Amino acid sequence: MALPILNAMHFTALQSLRFLFLLLIFLSHYSFAGIPPLDAGGDCGVAFFFILSGFITAHSRGRQIEEGSYSHRKFLTSRFLKLYPLHLLCLGAALIIHWNYLSKKCYLCHEGRFGLG
């Protein structure tokens, strides 16, 4: 049985919804300039984001699965190579920010109570 093909307009709309929910999830975690975090259903947004992402991924791999050319190892390798470099870059940036700004601020705030000096 052939899968129904969604045109590019459908995927654009779905990708836009994914972005909207990603933005709502982000805003539910962070406060800006003293404004408390936006309570916009972050838990529901996470569930919807994962469900929609799973649907898009499954649909994009459907033809490969039907033809028998789908490789789980190839899929996982491509996802790893797509996501892991950005993860390392963000981790490095977070460590640099911590060492150069936050650790000094923490030390000054607590006046060396943690055995730092």
PDB file of N, CA and C in Angstrom:
ATOM      1  N   MET A   1       0.845  -1.174   0.000  1.00  0.00           N
ATOM      2  CA  MET A   1       0.000   0.000   0.000  1.00  0.00           C
ATOM      3  C   MET A   1       0.893   1.242   0.000  1.00  0.00           C
ATOM      4  N   ALA A   2       0.643   2.135  -0.903  1.00  0.00           N
ATOM      5  CA  ALA A   2       1.438   3.354  -1.008  1.00  0.00           C
ATOM      6  C   ALA A   2       0.978   4.378   0.022  1.00  0.00           C
ATOM      7  N   LEU A   3       1.942   5.071   0.594  1.00  0.00           N
ATOM      8  CA  LEU A   3       1.616   6.129   1.546  1.00  0.00           C
ATOM      9  C   LEU A   3       1.129   7.363   0.806  1.00  0.00           C
ATOM     10  N   PRO A   4       0.144   8.070   1.359  1.00  0.00           N
ATOM     11  CA  PRO A   4      -0.262   9.321   0.713  1.00  0.00           C
ATOM     12  C   PRO A   4       0.875  10.337   0.814  1.00  0.00           C
ATOM     13  N   ILE A   5       1.077  11.057  -0.252  1.00  0.00           N
ATOM     14  CA  ILE A   5       2.171  12.019  -0.291  1.00  0.00           C
ATOM     15  C   ILE A   5       1.640  13.395   0.069  1.00  0.00           C
ATOM     16  N   LEU A   6       2.257  14.000   1.059  1.00  0.00           N
ATOM     17  CA  LEU A   6       1.915  15.364   1.431  1.00  0.00           C
ATOM     18  C   LEU A   6       2.783  16.303   0.615  1.00  0.00           C
ATOM     19  N   ASN A   7       2.207  17.360   0.153  1.00  0.00           N
ATOM     20  CA  ASN A   7       3.005  18.297  -0.630  1.00  0.00           C
ATOM     21  C   ASN A   7       3.806  19.212   0.292  1.00  0.00           C
ATOM     22  N   ALA A   8       4.667  20.021  -0.315  1.00  0.00           N
ATOM     23  CA  ALA A   8       5.564  20.891   0.452  1.00  0.00           C
ATOM     24  C   ALA A   8       4.797  21.876   1.320  1.00  0.00           C
ATOM     25  N   MET A   9       3.615  22.303   0.877  1.00  0.00           N
ATOM     26  CA  MET A   9       2.817  23.262   1.650  1.00  0.00           C
ATOM     27  C   MET A   9       2.393  22.652   2.983  1.00  0.00           C
ATOM     28  N   HIS A  10       2.022  21.372   2.986  1.00  0.00           N
ATOM     29  CA  HIS A  10       1.635  20.716   4.234  1.00  0.00           C
ATOM     30  C   HIS A  10       2.817  20.658   5.206  1.00  0.00           C
ATOM     31  N   PHE A  11       3.992  20.305   4.696  1.00  0.00           N
ATOM     32  CA  PHE A  11       5.157  20.211   5.572  1.00  0.00           C
ATOM     33  C   PHE A  11       5.586  21.583   6.070  1.00  0.00           C
ATOM     34  N   THR A  12       5.426  22.602   5.270  1.00  0.00           N
ATOM     35  CA  THR A  12       5.746  23.954   5.726  1.00  0.00           C
ATOM     36  C   THR A  12       4.848  24.333   6.896  1.00  0.00           C
ATOM     37  N   ALA A  13       3.573  24.004   6.796  1.00  0.00           N
ATOM     38  CA  ALA A  13       2.645  24.301   7.890  1.00  0.00           C
ATOM     39  C   ALA A  13       3.010  23.504   9.142  1.00  0.00           C
ATOM     40  N   LEU A  14       3.365  22.232   8.968  1.00  0.00           N
ATOM     41  CA  LEU A  14       3.742  21.404  10.117  1.00  0.00           C
ATOM     42  C   LEU A  14       5.043  21.906  10.748  1.00  0.00           C
ATOM     43  N   GLN A  15       6.000  22.286   9.910  1.00  0.00           N
ATOM     44  CA  GLN A  15       7.255  22.812  10.442  1.00  0.00           C
ATOM     45  C   GLN A  15       7.018  24.126  11.186  1.00  0.00           C
ATOM     46  N   SER A  16       6.092  24.938  10.690  1.00  0.00           N
ATOM     47  CA  SER A  16       5.750  26.187  11.376  1.00  0.00           C
ATOM     48  C   SER A  16       5.146  25.904  12.741  1.00  0.00           C
ATOM     49  N   LEU A  17       4.302  24.884  12.820  1.00  0.00           N
ATOM     50  CA  LEU A  17       3.733  24.502  14.121  1.00  0.00           C
ATOM     51  C   LEU A  17       4.821  24.008  15.065  1.00  0.00           C
ATOM     52  N   ARG A  18       5.769  23.239  14.545  1.00  0.00           N
ATOM     53  CA  ARG A  18       6.877  22.775  15.384  1.00  0.00           C
ATOM     54  C   ARG A  18       7.652  23.963  15.942  1.00  0.00           C
ATOM     55  N   PHE A  19       7.919  24.969  15.098  1.00  0.00           N
ATOM     56  CA  PHE A  19       8.635  26.156  15.560  1.00  0.00           C
ATOM     57  C   PHE A  19       7.832  26.895  16.626  1.00  0.00           C
ATOM     58  N   LEU A  20       6.539  27.026  16.412  1.00  0.00           N
ATOM     59  CA  LEU A  20       5.685  27.724  17.379  1.00  0.00           C
ATOM     60  C   LEU A  20       5.739  27.033  18.740  1.00  0.00           C
ATOM     61  N   PHE A  21       5.609  25.712  18.750  1.00  0.00           N
ATOM     62  CA  PHE A  21       5.649  24.988  20.022  1.00  0.00           C
ATOM     63  C   PHE A  21       7.038  25.015  20.641  1.00  0.00           C
ATOM     64  N   LEU A  22       8.080  24.988  19.815  1.00  0.00           N
ATOM     65  CA  LEU A  22       9.436  25.112  20.340  1.00  0.00           C
ATOM     66  C   LEU A  22       9.617  26.457  21.024  1.00  0.00           C
ATOM     67  N   LEU A  23       9.105  27.515  20.422  1.00  0.00           N
ATOM     68  CA  LEU A  23       9.179  28.845  21.009  1.00  0.00           C
ATOM     69  C   LEU A  23       8.406  28.915  22.332  1.00  0.00           C
ATOM     70  N   LEU A  24       7.224  28.319  22.373  1.00  0.00           N
ATOM     71  CA  LEU A  24       6.434  28.308  23.618  1.00  0.00           C
ATOM     72  C   LEU A  24       7.146  27.524  24.725  1.00  0.00           C
ATOM     73  N   ILE A  25       7.778  26.418  24.356  1.00  0.00           N
ATOM     74  CA  ILE A  25       8.537  25.633  25.335  1.00  0.00           C
ATOM     75  C   ILE A  25       9.690  26.464  25.879  1.00  0.00           C
ATOM     76  N   PHE A  26      10.407  27.141  24.985  1.00  0.00           N
ATOM     77  CA  PHE A  26      11.524  27.992  25.404  1.00  0.00           C
ATOM     78  C   PHE A  26      11.041  29.083  26.351  1.00  0.00           C
ATOM     79  N   LEU A  27       9.951  29.757  26.001  1.00  0.00           N
ATOM     80  CA  LEU A  27       9.442  30.851  26.825  1.00  0.00           C
ATOM     81  C   LEU A  27       8.898  30.371  28.169  1.00  0.00           C
ATOM     82  N   SER A  28       8.502  29.089  28.248  1.00  0.00           N
ATOM     83  CA  SER A  28       8.006  28.579  29.525  1.00  0.00           C
ATOM     84  C   SER A  28       9.146  28.238  30.490  1.00  0.00           C
ATOM     85  N   HIS A  29      10.391  28.247  29.999  1.00  0.00           N
ATOM     86  CA  HIS A  29      11.540  27.922  30.849  1.00  0.00           C
ATOM     87  C   HIS A  29      12.332  29.138  31.311  1.00  0.00           C
ATOM     88  N   TYR A  30      12.260  30.234  30.590  1.00  0.00           N
ATOM     89  CA  TYR A  30      13.143  31.359  30.880  1.00  0.00           C
ATOM     90  C   TYR A  30      12.363  32.636  31.148  1.00  0.00           C
ATOM     91  N   SER A  31      12.885  33.416  32.060  1.00  0.00           N
ATOM     92  CA  SER A  31      12.311  34.734  32.321  1.00  0.00           C
ATOM     93  C   SER A  31      13.253  35.783  31.757  1.00  0.00           C
ATOM     94  N   PHE A  32      12.692  36.873  31.301  1.00  0.00           N
ATOM     95  CA  PHE A  32      13.485  37.941  30.709  1.00  0.00           C
ATOM     96  C   PHE A  32      13.192  39.243  31.428  1.00  0.00           C
ATOM     97  N   ALA A  33      14.223  39.954  31.821  1.00  0.00           N
ATOM     98  CA  ALA A  33      14.118  41.288  32.419  1.00  0.00           C
ATOM     99  C   ALA A  33      13.117  41.322  33.575  1.00  0.00           C
ATOM    100  N   GLY A  34      13.151  40.301  34.416  1.00  0.00           N
ATOM    101  CA  GLY A  34      12.275  40.282  35.582  1.00  0.00           C
ATOM    102  C   GLY A  34      10.860  39.803  35.309  1.00  0.00           C
ATOM    103  N   ILE A  35      10.524  39.550  34.058  1.00  0.00           N
ATOM    104  CA  ILE A  35       9.190  39.039  33.719  1.00  0.00           C
ATOM    105  C   ILE A  35       9.201  37.535  33.972  1.00  0.00           C
ATOM    106  N   PRO A  36       8.234  37.015  34.728  1.00  0.00           N
ATOM    107  CA  PRO A  36       8.241  35.571  35.023  1.00  0.00           C
ATOM    108  C   PRO A  36       8.045  34.750  33.743  1.00  0.00           C
ATOM    109  N   PRO A  37       8.443  33.466  33.786  1.00  0.00           N
ATOM    110  CA  PRO A  37       8.287  32.612  32.607  1.00  0.00           C
ATOM    111  C   PRO A  37       6.832  32.557  32.140  1.00  0.00           C
ATOM    112  N   LEU A  38       6.660  32.434  30.845  1.00  0.00           N
ATOM    113  CA  LEU A  38       5.341  32.334  30.240  1.00  0.00           C
ATOM    114  C   LEU A  38       4.778  30.945  30.510  1.00  0.00           C
ATOM    115  N   ASP A  39       3.624  30.880  31.128  1.00  0.00           N
ATOM    116  CA  ASP A  39       2.994  29.585  31.389  1.00  0.00           C
ATOM    117  C   ASP A  39       2.050  29.282  30.233  1.00  0.00           C
ATOM    118  N   ALA A  40       2.613  28.698  29.185  1.00  0.00           N
ATOM    119  CA  ALA A  40       1.839  28.453  27.970  1.00  0.00           C
ATOM    120  C   ALA A  40       1.685  26.969  27.686  1.00  0.00           C
ATOM    121  N   GLY A  41       1.593  26.161  28.726  1.00  0.00           N
ATOM    122  CA  GLY A  41       1.408  24.726  28.512  1.00  0.00           C
ATOM    123  C   GLY A  41       2.659  24.050  28.001  1.00  0.00           C
ATOM    124  N   GLY A  42       3.771  24.266  28.685  1.00  0.00           N
ATOM    125  CA  GLY A  42       5.039  23.694  28.248  1.00  0.00           C
ATOM    126  C   GLY A  42       5.012  22.185  28.125  1.00  0.00           C
ATOM    127  N   ASP A  43       4.361  21.485  29.053  1.00  0.00           N
ATOM    128  CA  ASP A  43       4.297  20.020  28.995  1.00  0.00           C
ATOM    129  C   ASP A  43       3.539  19.556  27.759  1.00  0.00           C
ATOM    130  N   CYS A  44       2.432  20.193  27.484  1.00  0.00           N
ATOM    131  CA  CYS A  44       1.646  19.859  26.302  1.00  0.00           C
ATOM    132  C   CYS A  44       2.442  20.195  25.034  1.00  0.00           C
ATOM    133  N   GLY A  45       3.156  21.302  25.065  1.00  0.00           N
ATOM    134  CA  GLY A  45       3.975  21.694  23.919  1.00  0.00           C
ATOM    135  C   GLY A  45       5.064  20.685  23.624  1.00  0.00           C
ATOM    136  N   VAL A  46       5.700  20.159  24.668  1.00  0.00           N
ATOM    137  CA  VAL A  46       6.738  19.147  24.484  1.00  0.00           C
ATOM    138  C   VAL A  46       6.142  17.893  23.850  1.00  0.00           C
ATOM    139  N   ALA A  47       5.010  17.440  24.369  1.00  0.00           N
ATOM    140  CA  ALA A  47       4.358  16.252  23.812  1.00  0.00           C
ATOM    141  C   ALA A  47       3.994  16.480  22.349  1.00  0.00           C
ATOM    142  N   PHE A  48       3.383  17.625  22.053  1.00  0.00           N
ATOM    143  CA  PHE A  48       2.995  17.906  20.680  1.00  0.00           C
ATOM    144  C   PHE A  48       4.215  17.986  19.774  1.00  0.00           C
ATOM    145  N   PHE A  49       5.293  18.628  20.244  1.00  0.00           N
ATOM    146  CA  PHE A  49       6.518  18.750  19.450  1.00  0.00           C
ATOM    147  C   PHE A  49       7.081  17.373  19.114  1.00  0.00           C
ATOM    148  N   PHE A  50       7.142  16.473  20.094  1.00  0.00           N
ATOM    149  CA  PHE A  50       7.686  15.141  19.841  1.00  0.00           C
ATOM    150  C   PHE A  50       6.788  14.323  18.917  1.00  0.00           C
ATOM    151  N   ILE A  51       5.479  14.417  19.106  1.00  0.00           N
ATOM    152  CA  ILE A  51       4.560  13.680  18.243  1.00  0.00           C
ATOM    153  C   ILE A  51       4.675  14.172  16.809  1.00  0.00           C
ATOM    154  N   LEU A  52       4.678  15.478  16.625  1.00  0.00           N
ATOM    155  CA  LEU A  52       4.785  16.049  15.288  1.00  0.00           C
ATOM    156  C   LEU A  52       6.128  15.727  14.647  1.00  0.00           C
ATOM    157  N   SER A  53       7.200  15.781  15.427  1.00  0.00           N
ATOM    158  CA  SER A  53       8.525  15.429  14.899  1.00  0.00           C
ATOM    159  C   SER A  53       8.575  13.963  14.483  1.00  0.00           C
ATOM    160  N   GLY A  54       7.983  13.100  15.287  1.00  0.00           N
ATOM    161  CA  GLY A  54       7.931  11.676  14.939  1.00  0.00           C
ATOM    162  C   GLY A  54       7.151  11.432  13.664  1.00  0.00           C
ATOM    163  N   PHE A  55       6.032  12.141  13.498  1.00  0.00           N
ATOM    164  CA  PHE A  55       5.236  11.996  12.289  1.00  0.00           C
ATOM    165  C   PHE A  55       6.022  12.432  11.064  1.00  0.00           C
ATOM    166  N   ILE A  56       6.683  13.585  11.144  1.00  0.00           N
ATOM    167  CA  ILE A  56       7.450  14.090  10.005  1.00  0.00           C
ATOM    168  C   ILE A  56       8.604  13.147   9.673  1.00  0.00           C
ATOM    169  N   THR A  57       9.292  12.648  10.686  1.00  0.00           N
ATOM    170  CA  THR A  57      10.397  11.716  10.460  1.00  0.00           C
ATOM    171  C   THR A  57       9.896  10.423   9.831  1.00  0.00           C
ATOM    172  N   ALA A  58       8.807   9.874  10.367  1.00  0.00           N
ATOM    173  CA  ALA A  58       8.253   8.635   9.816  1.00  0.00           C
ATOM    174  C   ALA A  58       7.787   8.826   8.381  1.00  0.00           C
ATOM    175  N   HIS A  59       7.145   9.939   8.114  1.00  0.00           N
ATOM    176  CA  HIS A  59       6.661  10.184   6.755  1.00  0.00           C
ATOM    177  C   HIS A  59       7.814  10.367   5.778  1.00  0.00           C
ATOM    178  N   SER A  60       8.871  11.037   6.211  1.00  0.00           N
ATOM    179  CA  SER A  60       9.999  11.261   5.312  1.00  0.00           C
ATOM    180  C   SER A  60      10.774   9.978   5.032  1.00  0.00           C
ATOM    181  N   ARG A  61      10.695   8.993   5.910  1.00  0.00           N
ATOM    182  CA  ARG A  61      11.386   7.713   5.715  1.00  0.00           C
ATOM    183  C   ARG A  61      10.478   6.625   5.159  1.00  0.00           C
ATOM    184  N   GLY A  62       9.180   6.934   4.992  1.00  0.00           N
ATOM    185  CA  GLY A  62       8.215   5.927   4.566  1.00  0.00           C
ATOM    186  C   GLY A  62       8.543   5.272   3.247  1.00  0.00           C
ATOM    187  N   ARG A  63       8.929   6.053   2.261  1.00  0.00           N
ATOM    188  CA  ARG A  63       9.238   5.492   0.941  1.00  0.00           C
ATOM    189  C   ARG A  63      10.444   4.557   1.017  1.00  0.00           C
ATOM    190  N   GLN A  64      11.467   4.931   1.788  1.00  0.00           N
ATOM    191  CA  GLN A  64      12.641   4.068   1.950  1.00  0.00           C
ATOM    192  C   GLN A  64      12.259   2.742   2.602  1.00  0.00           C
ATOM    193  N   ILE A  65      11.355   2.816   3.578  1.00  0.00           N
ATOM    194  CA  ILE A  65      10.921   1.588   4.253  1.00  0.00           C
ATOM    195  C   ILE A  65      10.157   0.696   3.287  1.00  0.00           C
ATOM    196  N   GLU A  66       9.269   1.290   2.486  1.00  0.00           N
ATOM    197  CA  GLU A  66       8.508   0.509   1.507  1.00  0.00           C
ATOM    198  C   GLU A  66       9.415  -0.165   0.481  1.00  0.00           C
ATOM    199  N   GLU A  67      10.440   0.556   0.025  1.00  0.00           N
ATOM    200  CA  GLU A  67      11.343   0.023  -0.989  1.00  0.00           C
ATOM    201  C   GLU A  67      12.383  -0.928  -0.401  1.00  0.00           C
ATOM    202  N   GLY A  68      12.503  -0.973   0.919  1.00  0.00           N
ATOM    203  CA  GLY A  68      13.473  -1.852   1.564  1.00  0.00           C
ATOM    204  C   GLY A  68      14.877  -1.276   1.595  1.00  0.00           C
ATOM    205  N   SER A  69      15.027   0.011   1.311  1.00  0.00           N
ATOM    206  CA  SER A  69      16.359   0.622   1.300  1.00  0.00           C
ATOM    207  C   SER A  69      16.667   1.391   2.584  1.00  0.00           C
ATOM    208  N   TYR A  70      15.780   1.304   3.568  1.00  0.00           N
ATOM    209  CA  TYR A  70      15.977   2.029   4.830  1.00  0.00           C
ATOM    210  C   TYR A  70      17.011   1.315   5.689  1.00  0.00           C
ATOM    211  N   SER A  71      17.951   2.082   6.231  1.00  0.00           N
ATOM    212  CA  SER A  71      18.958   1.543   7.130  1.00  0.00           C
ATOM    213  C   SER A  71      18.888   2.310   8.450  1.00  0.00           C
ATOM    214  N   HIS A  72      18.584   1.580   9.509  1.00  0.00           N
ATOM    215  CA  HIS A  72      18.481   2.215  10.817  1.00  0.00           C
ATOM    216  C   HIS A  72      19.831   2.795  11.242  1.00  0.00           C
ATOM    217  N   ARG A  73      20.893   2.059  10.974  1.00  0.00           N
ATOM    218  CA  ARG A  73      22.236   2.531  11.332  1.00  0.00           C
ATOM    219  C   ARG A  73      22.568   3.827  10.585  1.00  0.00           C
ATOM    220  N   LYS A  74      22.241   3.887   9.305  1.00  0.00           N
ATOM    221  CA  LYS A  74      22.501   5.087   8.506  1.00  0.00           C
ATOM    222  C   LYS A  74      21.691   6.274   9.042  1.00  0.00           C
ATOM    223  N   PHE A  75      20.443   6.023   9.422  1.00  0.00           N
ATOM    224  CA  PHE A  75      19.600   7.076   9.981  1.00  0.00           C
ATOM    225  C   PHE A  75      20.185   7.608  11.291  1.00  0.00           C
ATOM    226  N   LEU A  76      20.553   6.701  12.202  1.00  0.00           N
ATOM    227  CA  LEU A  76      21.106   7.131  13.489  1.00  0.00           C
ATOM    228  C   LEU A  76      22.438   7.854  13.321  1.00  0.00           C
ATOM    229  N   THR A  77      23.260   7.387  12.377  1.00  0.00           N
ATOM    230  CA  THR A  77      24.538   8.056  12.125  1.00  0.00           C
ATOM    231  C   THR A  77      24.309   9.471  11.624  1.00  0.00           C
ATOM    232  N   SER A  78      23.376   9.640  10.699  1.00  0.00           N
ATOM    233  CA  SER A  78      23.115  10.978  10.169  1.00  0.00           C
ATOM    234  C   SER A  78      22.542  11.901  11.248  1.00  0.00           C
ATOM    235  N   ARG A  79      21.668  11.389  12.108  1.00  0.00           N
ATOM    236  CA  ARG A  79      21.118  12.209  13.193  1.00  0.00           C
ATOM    237  C   ARG A  79      22.208  12.592  14.188  1.00  0.00           C
ATOM    238  N   PHE A  80      23.072  11.647  14.519  1.00  0.00           N
ATOM    239  CA  PHE A  80      24.167  11.905  15.448  1.00  0.00           C
ATOM    240  C   PHE A  80      25.087  12.986  14.897  1.00  0.00           C
ATOM    241  N   LEU A  81      25.462  12.858  13.611  1.00  0.00           N
ATOM    242  CA  LEU A  81      26.364  13.833  13.001  1.00  0.00           C
ATOM    243  C   LEU A  81      25.704  15.195  12.828  1.00  0.00           C
ATOM    244  N   LYS A  82      24.393  15.220  12.770  1.00  0.00           N
ATOM    245  CA  LYS A  82      23.684  16.484  12.640  1.00  0.00           C
ATOM    246  C   LYS A  82      23.573  17.204  13.991  1.00  0.00           C
ATOM    247  N   LEU A  83      23.326  16.465  15.065  1.00  0.00           N
ATOM    248  CA  LEU A  83      23.041  17.067  16.363  1.00  0.00           C
ATOM    249  C   LEU A  83      24.257  17.198  17.279  1.00  0.00           C
ATOM    250  N   TYR A  84      25.169  16.237  17.259  1.00  0.00           N
ATOM    251  CA  TYR A  84      26.235  16.208  18.249  1.00  0.00           C
ATOM    252  C   TYR A  84      27.224  17.366  18.132  1.00  0.00           C
ATOM    253  N   PRO A  85      27.630  17.793  16.933  1.00  0.00           N
ATOM    254  CA  PRO A  85      28.539  18.945  16.869  1.00  0.00           C
ATOM    255  C   PRO A  85      27.943  20.205  17.499  1.00  0.00           C
ATOM    256  N   LEU A  86      26.668  20.451  17.287  1.00  0.00           N
ATOM    257  CA  LEU A  86      26.026  21.610  17.911  1.00  0.00           C
ATOM    258  C   LEU A  86      25.983  21.446  19.428  1.00  0.00           C
ATOM    259  N   HIS A  87      25.748  20.218  19.886  1.00  0.00           N
ATOM    260  CA  HIS A  87      25.750  19.946  21.324  1.00  0.00           C
ATOM    261  C   HIS A  87      27.119  20.286  21.925  1.00  0.00           C
ATOM    262  N   LEU A  88      28.188  19.853  21.269  1.00  0.00           N
ATOM    263  CA  LEU A  88      29.528  20.143  21.775  1.00  0.00           C
ATOM    264  C   LEU A  88      29.826  21.639  21.749  1.00  0.00           C
ATOM    265  N   LEU A  89      29.394  22.331  20.693  1.00  0.00           N
ATOM    266  CA  LEU A  89      29.599  23.770  20.606  1.00  0.00           C
ATOM    267  C   LEU A  89      28.883  24.495  21.750  1.00  0.00           C
ATOM    268  N   CYS A  90      27.640  24.125  22.012  1.00  0.00           N
ATOM    269  CA  CYS A  90      26.878  24.763  23.098  1.00  0.00           C
ATOM    270  C   CYS A  90      27.475  24.423  24.461  1.00  0.00           C
ATOM    271  N   LEU A  91      27.917  23.194  24.628  1.00  0.00           N
ATOM    272  CA  LEU A  91      28.559  22.809  25.888  1.00  0.00           C
ATOM    273  C   LEU A  91      29.822  23.627  26.121  1.00  0.00           C
ATOM    274  N   GLY A  92      30.628  23.782  25.075  1.00  0.00           N
ATOM    275  CA  GLY A  92      31.840  24.589  25.188  1.00  0.00           C
ATOM    276  C   GLY A  92      31.524  26.038  25.527  1.00  0.00           C
ATOM    277  N   ALA A  93      30.510  26.608  24.861  1.00  0.00           N
ATOM    278  CA  ALA A  93      30.114  27.997  25.140  1.00  0.00           C
ATOM    279  C   ALA A  93      29.630  28.133  26.586  1.00  0.00           C
ATOM    280  N   ALA A  94      28.852  27.156  27.059  1.00  0.00           N
ATOM    281  CA  ALA A  94      28.350  27.210  28.431  1.00  0.00           C
ATOM    282  C   ALA A  94      29.496  27.137  29.435  1.00  0.00           C
ATOM    283  N   LEU A  95      30.484  26.293  29.167  1.00  0.00           N
ATOM    284  CA  LEU A  95      31.628  26.191  30.081  1.00  0.00           C
ATOM    285  C   LEU A  95      32.445  27.476  30.097  1.00  0.00           C
ATOM    286  N   ILE A  96      32.642  28.074  28.927  1.00  0.00           N
ATOM    287  CA  ILE A  96      33.381  29.335  28.866  1.00  0.00           C
ATOM    288  C   ILE A  96      32.645  30.435  29.623  1.00  0.00           C
ATOM    289  N   ILE A  97      31.344  30.521  29.419  1.00  0.00           N
ATOM    290  CA  ILE A  97      30.549  31.525  30.140  1.00  0.00           C
ATOM    291  C   ILE A  97      30.616  31.277  31.635  1.00  0.00           C
ATOM    292  N   HIS A  98      30.512  30.018  32.025  1.00  0.00           N
ATOM    293  CA  HIS A  98      30.565  29.693  33.454  1.00  0.00           C
ATOM    294  C   HIS A  98      31.911  30.090  34.054  1.00  0.00           C
ATOM    295  N   TRP A  99      32.993  29.689  33.417  1.00  0.00           N
ATOM    296  CA  TRP A  99      34.315  29.972  33.967  1.00  0.00           C
ATOM    297  C   TRP A  99      34.638  31.463  33.973  1.00  0.00           C
ATOM    298  N   ASN A 100      34.203  32.175  32.944  1.00  0.00           N
ATOM    299  CA  ASN A 100      34.574  33.586  32.830  1.00  0.00           C
ATOM    300  C   ASN A 100      33.622  34.537  33.544  1.00  0.00           C
ATOM    301  N   TYR A 101      32.419  34.118  33.803  1.00  0.00           N
ATOM    302  CA  TYR A 101      31.455  35.046  34.405  1.00  0.00           C
ATOM    303  C   TYR A 101      30.805  34.481  35.657  1.00  0.00           C
ATOM    304  N   LEU A 102      30.164  33.357  35.532  1.00  0.00           N
ATOM    305  CA  LEU A 102      29.352  32.863  36.646  1.00  0.00           C
ATOM    306  C   LEU A 102      30.170  32.385  37.829  1.00  0.00           C
ATOM    307  N   SER A 103      31.292  31.716  37.587  1.00  0.00           N
ATOM    308  CA  SER A 103      32.065  31.210  38.725  1.00  0.00           C
ATOM    309  C   SER A 103      32.654  32.363  39.538  1.00  0.00           C
ATOM    310  N   LYS A 104      33.078  33.442  38.883  1.00  0.00           N
ATOM    311  CA  LYS A 104      33.607  34.598  39.612  1.00  0.00           C
ATOM    312  C   LYS A 104      32.500  35.288  40.389  1.00  0.00           C
ATOM    313  N   LYS A 105      31.329  35.388  39.781  1.00  0.00           N
ATOM    314  CA  LYS A 105      30.199  36.015  40.450  1.00  0.00           C
ATOM    315  C   LYS A 105      29.774  35.181  41.662  1.00  0.00           C
ATOM    316  N   CYS A 106      29.740  33.876  41.496  1.00  0.00           N
ATOM    317  CA  CYS A 106      29.356  32.985  42.598  1.00  0.00           C
ATOM    318  C   CYS A 106      30.373  33.109  43.735  1.00  0.00           C
ATOM    319  N   TYR A 107      31.648  33.147  43.394  1.00  0.00           N
ATOM    320  CA  TYR A 107      32.689  33.258  44.398  1.00  0.00           C
ATOM    321  C   TYR A 107      32.553  34.570  45.166  1.00  0.00           C
ATOM    322  N   LEU A 108      32.291  35.651  44.459  1.00  0.00           N
ATOM    323  CA  LEU A 108      32.160  36.947  45.117  1.00  0.00           C
ATOM    324  C   LEU A 108      30.908  37.014  45.987  1.00  0.00           C
ATOM    325  N   CYS A 109      29.810  36.385  45.530  1.00  0.00           N
ATOM    326  CA  CYS A 109      28.572  36.416  46.284  1.00  0.00           C
ATOM    327  C   CYS A 109      28.680  35.645  47.594  1.00  0.00           C
ATOM    328  N   HIS A 110      29.394  34.516  47.550  1.00  0.00           N
ATOM    329  CA  HIS A 110      29.459  33.663  48.732  1.00  0.00           C
ATOM    330  C   HIS A 110      30.732  33.876  49.531  1.00  0.00           C
ATOM    331  N   GLU A 111      31.551  34.811  49.113  1.00  0.00           N
ATOM    332  CA  GLU A 111      32.759  35.204  49.834  1.00  0.00           C
ATOM    333  C   GLU A 111      33.643  34.033  50.217  1.00  0.00           C
ATOM    334  N   GLY A 112      33.799  33.115  49.286  1.00  0.00           N
ATOM    335  CA  GLY A 112      34.730  32.013  49.485  1.00  0.00           C
ATOM    336  C   GLY A 112      34.274  30.944  50.458  1.00  0.00           C
ATOM    337  N   ARG A 113      32.975  30.841  50.734  1.00  0.00           N
ATOM    338  CA  ARG A 113      32.491  29.862  51.717  1.00  0.00           C
ATOM    339  C   ARG A 113      32.591  28.421  51.226  1.00  0.00           C
ATOM    340  N   PHE A 114      32.833  28.218  49.942  1.00  0.00           N
ATOM    341  CA  PHE A 114      32.880  26.860  49.418  1.00  0.00           C
ATOM    342  C   PHE A 114      34.294  26.333  49.273  1.00  0.00           C
ATOM    343  N   GLY A 115      35.223  26.930  49.969  1.00  0.00           N
ATOM    344  CA  GLY A 115      36.607  26.473  49.934  1.00  0.00           C
ATOM    345  C   GLY A 115      37.323  26.792  48.635  1.00  0.00           C
ATOM    346  N   LEU A 116      36.892  27.853  47.960  1.00  0.00           N
ATOM    347  CA  LEU A 116      37.517  28.215  46.692  1.00  0.00           C
ATOM    348  C   LEU A 116      38.725  29.114  46.876  1.00  0.00           C
ATOM    349  N   GLY A 117      38.985  29.548  48.059  1.00  0.00           N
ATOM    350  CA  GLY A 117      40.133  30.427  48.187  1.00  0.00           C
ATOM    351  C   GLY A 117      40.492  30.825  49.543  1.00  0.00           C
TER     352      GLY A 117
END
